[in-house]
Amino acid sequence: MAVFSAYVVSKLIQRLAAVVRDLLYADDCALMAHLQTDVQHLFNHLLNAITRFGLTVSLKKTQVMLQPFDLLDSTPPVILAGQTPLPVIEKFCYLGNVLS
């Protein structure tokens, strides 16, 4: 018979509720959000921070991939880098691994 502490369970639930918004790799970054507006907001902040440090984003290498919860309602997102829409892809290959 297991005995669970309500305090421990509440801490586990709080930990599980954390949201991952970005993944950073060497010189790559993946931004994640549930809403298109949130992705645009995250990208704008990233672009702003990068610009402040004198760096640039390679728009030729920057892509958007949608992984919809509802496959029947998968309208392609429109994410802008300034006034430039970023290309939307269905598959992404990174270090030999394919995401789709």
N, C-alpha and C. Protein backbone atom coordinates (compact mmCIF):
# COMPACT_ATOMS: atom_id res chain seq x y z
N MET A 1 0.84 -1.17 0.00
CA MET A 1 0.00 0.00 0.00
C MET A 1 0.89 1.24 0.00
N ALA A 2 0.61 2.16 -0.93
CA ALA A 2 1.40 3.39 -1.04
C ALA A 2 0.66 4.54 -0.36
N VAL A 3 1.43 5.37 0.31
CA VAL A 3 0.86 6.55 0.95
C VAL A 3 1.41 7.77 0.20
N PHE A 4 0.51 8.63 -0.29
CA PHE A 4 0.90 9.81 -1.03
C PHE A 4 0.72 11.05 -0.18
N SER A 5 1.71 11.88 -0.17
CA SER A 5 1.62 13.16 0.52
C SER A 5 0.96 14.16 -0.42
N ALA A 6 -0.06 14.85 0.04
CA ALA A 6 -0.74 15.86 -0.78
C ALA A 6 0.24 16.95 -1.20
N TYR A 7 1.19 17.28 -0.34
CA TYR A 7 2.19 18.30 -0.65
C TYR A 7 3.07 17.84 -1.81
N VAL A 8 3.55 16.60 -1.75
CA VAL A 8 4.41 16.07 -2.80
C VAL A 8 3.65 16.00 -4.12
N VAL A 9 2.43 15.52 -4.08
CA VAL A 9 1.62 15.43 -5.31
C VAL A 9 1.40 16.82 -5.90
N SER A 10 1.11 17.83 -5.06
CA SER A 10 0.88 19.19 -5.58
C SER A 10 2.15 19.75 -6.21
N LYS A 11 3.32 19.44 -5.64
CA LYS A 11 4.59 19.90 -6.22
C LYS A 11 4.85 19.22 -7.56
N LEU A 12 4.53 17.95 -7.67
CA LEU A 12 4.70 17.24 -8.93
C LEU A 12 3.79 17.83 -10.00
N ILE A 13 2.57 18.12 -9.64
CA ILE A 13 1.63 18.72 -10.59
C ILE A 13 2.12 20.08 -11.03
N GLN A 14 2.63 20.89 -10.11
CA GLN A 14 3.16 22.20 -10.47
C GLN A 14 4.33 22.05 -11.42
N ARG A 15 5.17 21.08 -11.19
CA ARG A 15 6.33 20.87 -12.05
C ARG A 15 5.89 20.44 -13.44
N LEU A 16 4.88 19.59 -13.54
CA LEU A 16 4.39 19.12 -14.82
C LEU A 16 3.71 20.22 -15.61
N ALA A 17 3.26 21.27 -14.94
CA ALA A 17 2.56 22.35 -15.61
C ALA A 17 3.51 23.34 -16.28
N ALA A 18 4.81 23.17 -16.10
CA ALA A 18 5.78 24.07 -16.72
C ALA A 18 5.70 23.94 -18.23
N VAL A 19 5.88 25.04 -18.92
CA VAL A 19 5.78 25.06 -20.37
C VAL A 19 7.16 25.33 -20.97
N VAL A 20 7.54 24.50 -21.92
CA VAL A 20 8.77 24.71 -22.65
C VAL A 20 8.44 25.60 -23.85
N ARG A 21 9.11 26.75 -23.92
CA ARG A 21 8.82 27.69 -25.00
C ARG A 21 9.92 27.74 -26.05
N ASP A 22 11.13 27.35 -25.69
CA ASP A 22 12.21 27.36 -26.66
C ASP A 22 13.23 26.30 -26.33
N LEU A 23 13.86 25.80 -27.37
CA LEU A 23 14.95 24.85 -27.25
C LEU A 23 16.15 25.44 -27.97
N LEU A 24 17.26 25.53 -27.28
CA LEU A 24 18.46 26.13 -27.87
C LEU A 24 19.49 25.04 -28.15
N TYR A 25 20.05 25.06 -29.34
CA TYR A 25 21.10 24.14 -29.73
C TYR A 25 22.21 25.01 -30.31
N ALA A 26 23.45 24.71 -30.02
CA ALA A 26 24.62 25.43 -30.55
C ALA A 26 24.26 26.78 -31.17
N ASP A 27 23.92 26.79 -32.43
CA ASP A 27 23.53 28.04 -33.08
C ASP A 27 22.13 27.95 -33.65
N ASP A 28 21.32 27.06 -33.11
CA ASP A 28 19.94 26.87 -33.56
C ASP A 28 18.98 27.11 -32.40
N CYS A 29 17.74 27.43 -32.75
CA CYS A 29 16.72 27.67 -31.73
C CYS A 29 15.38 27.20 -32.27
N ALA A 30 14.62 26.51 -31.44
CA ALA A 30 13.26 26.11 -31.79
C ALA A 30 12.31 26.80 -30.81
N LEU A 31 11.37 27.58 -31.32
CA LEU A 31 10.37 28.24 -30.49
C LEU A 31 9.08 27.45 -30.57
N MET A 32 8.41 27.30 -29.44
CA MET A 32 7.18 26.51 -29.40
C MET A 32 6.10 27.26 -28.64
N ALA A 33 4.88 27.15 -29.14
CA ALA A 33 3.73 27.76 -28.46
C ALA A 33 2.46 27.10 -28.98
N HIS A 34 1.39 27.29 -28.24
CA HIS A 34 0.11 26.72 -28.65
C HIS A 34 -0.62 27.61 -29.66
N LEU A 35 -0.37 28.91 -29.60
CA LEU A 35 -1.07 29.85 -30.46
C LEU A 35 -0.11 30.54 -31.42
N GLN A 36 -0.60 30.82 -32.61
CA GLN A 36 0.21 31.52 -33.61
C GLN A 36 0.67 32.89 -33.09
N THR A 37 -0.20 33.58 -32.39
CA THR A 37 0.16 34.90 -31.85
C THR A 37 1.30 34.78 -30.84
N ASP A 38 1.31 33.69 -30.08
CA ASP A 38 2.39 33.49 -29.10
C ASP A 38 3.72 33.20 -29.80
N VAL A 39 3.68 32.43 -30.89
CA VAL A 39 4.91 32.16 -31.64
C VAL A 39 5.44 33.46 -32.23
N GLN A 40 4.55 34.28 -32.78
CA GLN A 40 4.97 35.55 -33.34
C GLN A 40 5.60 36.43 -32.26
N HIS A 41 4.98 36.44 -31.08
CA HIS A 41 5.48 37.22 -29.95
C HIS A 41 6.89 36.73 -29.54
N LEU A 42 7.06 35.42 -29.41
CA LEU A 42 8.36 34.86 -29.05
C LEU A 42 9.41 35.18 -30.11
N PHE A 43 9.03 35.06 -31.38
CA PHE A 43 9.98 35.33 -32.46
C PHE A 43 10.38 36.81 -32.47
N ASN A 44 9.41 37.70 -32.23
CA ASN A 44 9.73 39.14 -32.19
C ASN A 44 10.73 39.44 -31.07
N HIS A 45 10.52 38.83 -29.91
CA HIS A 45 11.45 39.04 -28.79
C HIS A 45 12.84 38.47 -29.11
N LEU A 46 12.89 37.29 -29.72
CA LEU A 46 14.16 36.69 -30.11
C LEU A 46 14.87 37.59 -31.11
N LEU A 47 14.14 38.05 -32.13
CA LEU A 47 14.72 38.92 -33.15
C LEU A 47 15.25 40.21 -32.54
N ASN A 48 14.51 40.77 -31.60
CA ASN A 48 14.92 41.99 -30.91
C ASN A 48 16.21 41.76 -30.12
N ALA A 49 16.27 40.67 -29.38
CA ALA A 49 17.46 40.37 -28.57
C ALA A 49 18.68 40.13 -29.45
N ILE A 50 18.49 39.39 -30.52
CA ILE A 50 19.59 39.09 -31.43
C ILE A 50 20.12 40.38 -32.05
N THR A 51 19.22 41.25 -32.45
CA THR A 51 19.61 42.53 -33.07
C THR A 51 20.38 43.40 -32.10
N ARG A 52 19.97 43.41 -30.83
CA ARG A 52 20.66 44.23 -29.82
C ARG A 52 22.11 43.78 -29.63
N PHE A 53 22.39 42.52 -29.87
CA PHE A 53 23.76 42.02 -29.73
C PHE A 53 24.54 42.08 -31.04
N GLY A 54 23.95 42.72 -32.04
CA GLY A 54 24.63 42.89 -33.31
C GLY A 54 24.63 41.65 -34.18
N LEU A 55 23.76 40.70 -33.88
CA LEU A 55 23.68 39.47 -34.66
C LEU A 55 22.50 39.55 -35.62
N THR A 56 22.40 38.58 -36.50
CA THR A 56 21.28 38.54 -37.44
C THR A 56 20.68 37.14 -37.47
N VAL A 57 19.45 37.06 -37.95
CA VAL A 57 18.77 35.78 -38.16
C VAL A 57 18.86 35.50 -39.66
N SER A 58 19.28 34.30 -40.01
CA SER A 58 19.33 33.92 -41.42
C SER A 58 17.91 33.57 -41.87
N LEU A 59 17.30 34.47 -42.63
CA LEU A 59 15.93 34.22 -43.08
C LEU A 59 15.88 33.09 -44.10
N LYS A 60 17.01 32.79 -44.75
CA LYS A 60 17.05 31.67 -45.70
C LYS A 60 16.94 30.34 -44.96
N LYS A 61 17.38 30.30 -43.71
CA LYS A 61 17.37 29.06 -42.93
C LYS A 61 16.23 29.00 -41.92
N THR A 62 15.47 30.09 -41.76
CA THR A 62 14.42 30.13 -40.76
C THR A 62 13.11 29.62 -41.35
N GLN A 63 12.50 28.65 -40.67
CA GLN A 63 11.29 28.01 -41.16
C GLN A 63 10.28 27.85 -40.04
N VAL A 64 9.03 27.67 -40.43
CA VAL A 64 7.94 27.46 -39.49
C VAL A 64 7.32 26.10 -39.76
N MET A 65 7.11 25.33 -38.69
CA MET A 65 6.44 24.03 -38.84
C MET A 65 5.28 23.96 -37.85
N LEU A 66 4.12 23.64 -38.36
CA LEU A 66 2.91 23.51 -37.55
C LEU A 66 2.68 22.03 -37.23
N GLN A 67 2.45 21.75 -35.96
CA GLN A 67 2.05 20.41 -35.55
C GLN A 67 0.69 20.56 -34.88
N PRO A 68 -0.39 20.54 -35.69
CA PRO A 68 -1.72 20.83 -35.16
C PRO A 68 -2.25 19.73 -34.25
N PHE A 69 -3.01 20.15 -33.27
CA PHE A 69 -3.70 19.21 -32.39
C PHE A 69 -4.83 18.55 -33.16
N ASP A 70 -5.55 19.37 -33.93
CA ASP A 70 -6.67 18.89 -34.74
C ASP A 70 -6.23 18.88 -36.20
N LEU A 71 -6.00 17.70 -36.76
CA LEU A 71 -5.51 17.59 -38.12
C LEU A 71 -6.51 18.12 -39.15
N LEU A 72 -7.78 18.17 -38.81
CA LEU A 72 -8.78 18.67 -39.75
C LEU A 72 -8.75 20.19 -39.85
N ASP A 73 -8.26 20.85 -38.82
CA ASP A 73 -8.19 22.31 -38.81
C ASP A 73 -6.73 22.72 -38.72
N SER A 74 -6.01 22.56 -39.82
CA SER A 74 -4.58 22.86 -39.80
C SER A 74 -4.25 23.98 -40.78
N THR A 75 -4.82 25.14 -40.55
CA THR A 75 -4.52 26.30 -41.38
C THR A 75 -3.05 26.67 -41.21
N PRO A 76 -2.31 26.81 -42.31
CA PRO A 76 -0.88 27.15 -42.18
C PRO A 76 -0.69 28.49 -41.46
N PRO A 77 0.24 28.55 -40.53
CA PRO A 77 0.48 29.80 -39.80
C PRO A 77 1.22 30.82 -40.67
N VAL A 78 1.05 32.08 -40.32
CA VAL A 78 1.80 33.15 -40.98
C VAL A 78 2.62 33.84 -39.90
N ILE A 79 3.93 33.57 -39.90
CA ILE A 79 4.85 34.17 -38.94
C ILE A 79 5.76 35.10 -39.74
N LEU A 80 5.89 36.33 -39.26
CA LEU A 80 6.65 37.34 -39.98
C LEU A 80 7.97 37.65 -39.29
N ALA A 81 9.00 37.86 -40.10
CA ALA A 81 10.27 38.41 -39.63
C ALA A 81 10.30 39.83 -40.17
N GLY A 82 9.86 40.77 -39.37
CA GLY A 82 9.65 42.13 -39.86
C GLY A 82 8.43 42.11 -40.76
N GLN A 83 8.63 42.37 -42.05
CA GLN A 83 7.53 42.31 -43.03
C GLN A 83 7.61 41.05 -43.90
N THR A 84 8.61 40.21 -43.64
CA THR A 84 8.84 39.03 -44.47
C THR A 84 8.19 37.79 -43.86
N PRO A 85 7.24 37.16 -44.58
CA PRO A 85 6.66 35.91 -44.06
C PRO A 85 7.68 34.78 -44.14
N LEU A 86 7.73 33.98 -43.09
CA LEU A 86 8.66 32.84 -43.06
C LEU A 86 8.02 31.64 -43.74
N PRO A 87 8.82 30.83 -44.46
CA PRO A 87 8.25 29.66 -45.15
C PRO A 87 7.74 28.62 -44.16
N VAL A 88 6.61 28.01 -44.51
CA VAL A 88 6.00 26.95 -43.70
C VAL A 88 6.38 25.61 -44.32
N ILE A 89 6.89 24.70 -43.48
CA ILE A 89 7.31 23.38 -43.96
C ILE A 89 6.51 22.29 -43.25
N GLU A 90 6.50 21.09 -43.82
CA GLU A 90 5.80 19.96 -43.21
C GLU A 90 6.74 18.99 -42.52
N LYS A 91 8.00 18.98 -42.95
CA LYS A 91 9.01 18.10 -42.35
C LYS A 91 10.27 18.92 -42.10
N PHE A 92 10.93 18.62 -40.98
CA PHE A 92 12.15 19.34 -40.63
C PHE A 92 13.21 18.32 -40.26
N CYS A 93 14.38 18.42 -40.87
CA CYS A 93 15.48 17.49 -40.58
C CYS A 93 16.54 18.23 -39.78
N TYR A 94 16.90 17.68 -38.64
CA TYR A 94 17.94 18.26 -37.79
C TYR A 94 18.84 17.15 -37.29
N LEU A 95 20.12 17.24 -37.64
CA LEU A 95 21.12 16.24 -37.25
C LEU A 95 20.67 14.83 -37.58
N GLY A 96 20.08 14.67 -38.77
CA GLY A 96 19.68 13.35 -39.22
C GLY A 96 18.33 12.88 -38.72
N ASN A 97 17.68 13.65 -37.86
CA ASN A 97 16.36 13.28 -37.35
C ASN A 97 15.30 14.10 -38.06
N VAL A 98 14.21 13.47 -38.44
CA VAL A 98 13.14 14.15 -39.16
C VAL A 98 11.95 14.34 -38.23
N LEU A 99 11.51 15.58 -38.13
CA LEU A 99 10.29 15.91 -37.39
C LEU A 99 9.19 16.16 -38.40
N SER A 100 7.99 15.69 -38.13
CA SER A 100 6.89 15.95 -39.05
C SER A 100 5.59 16.08 -38.29
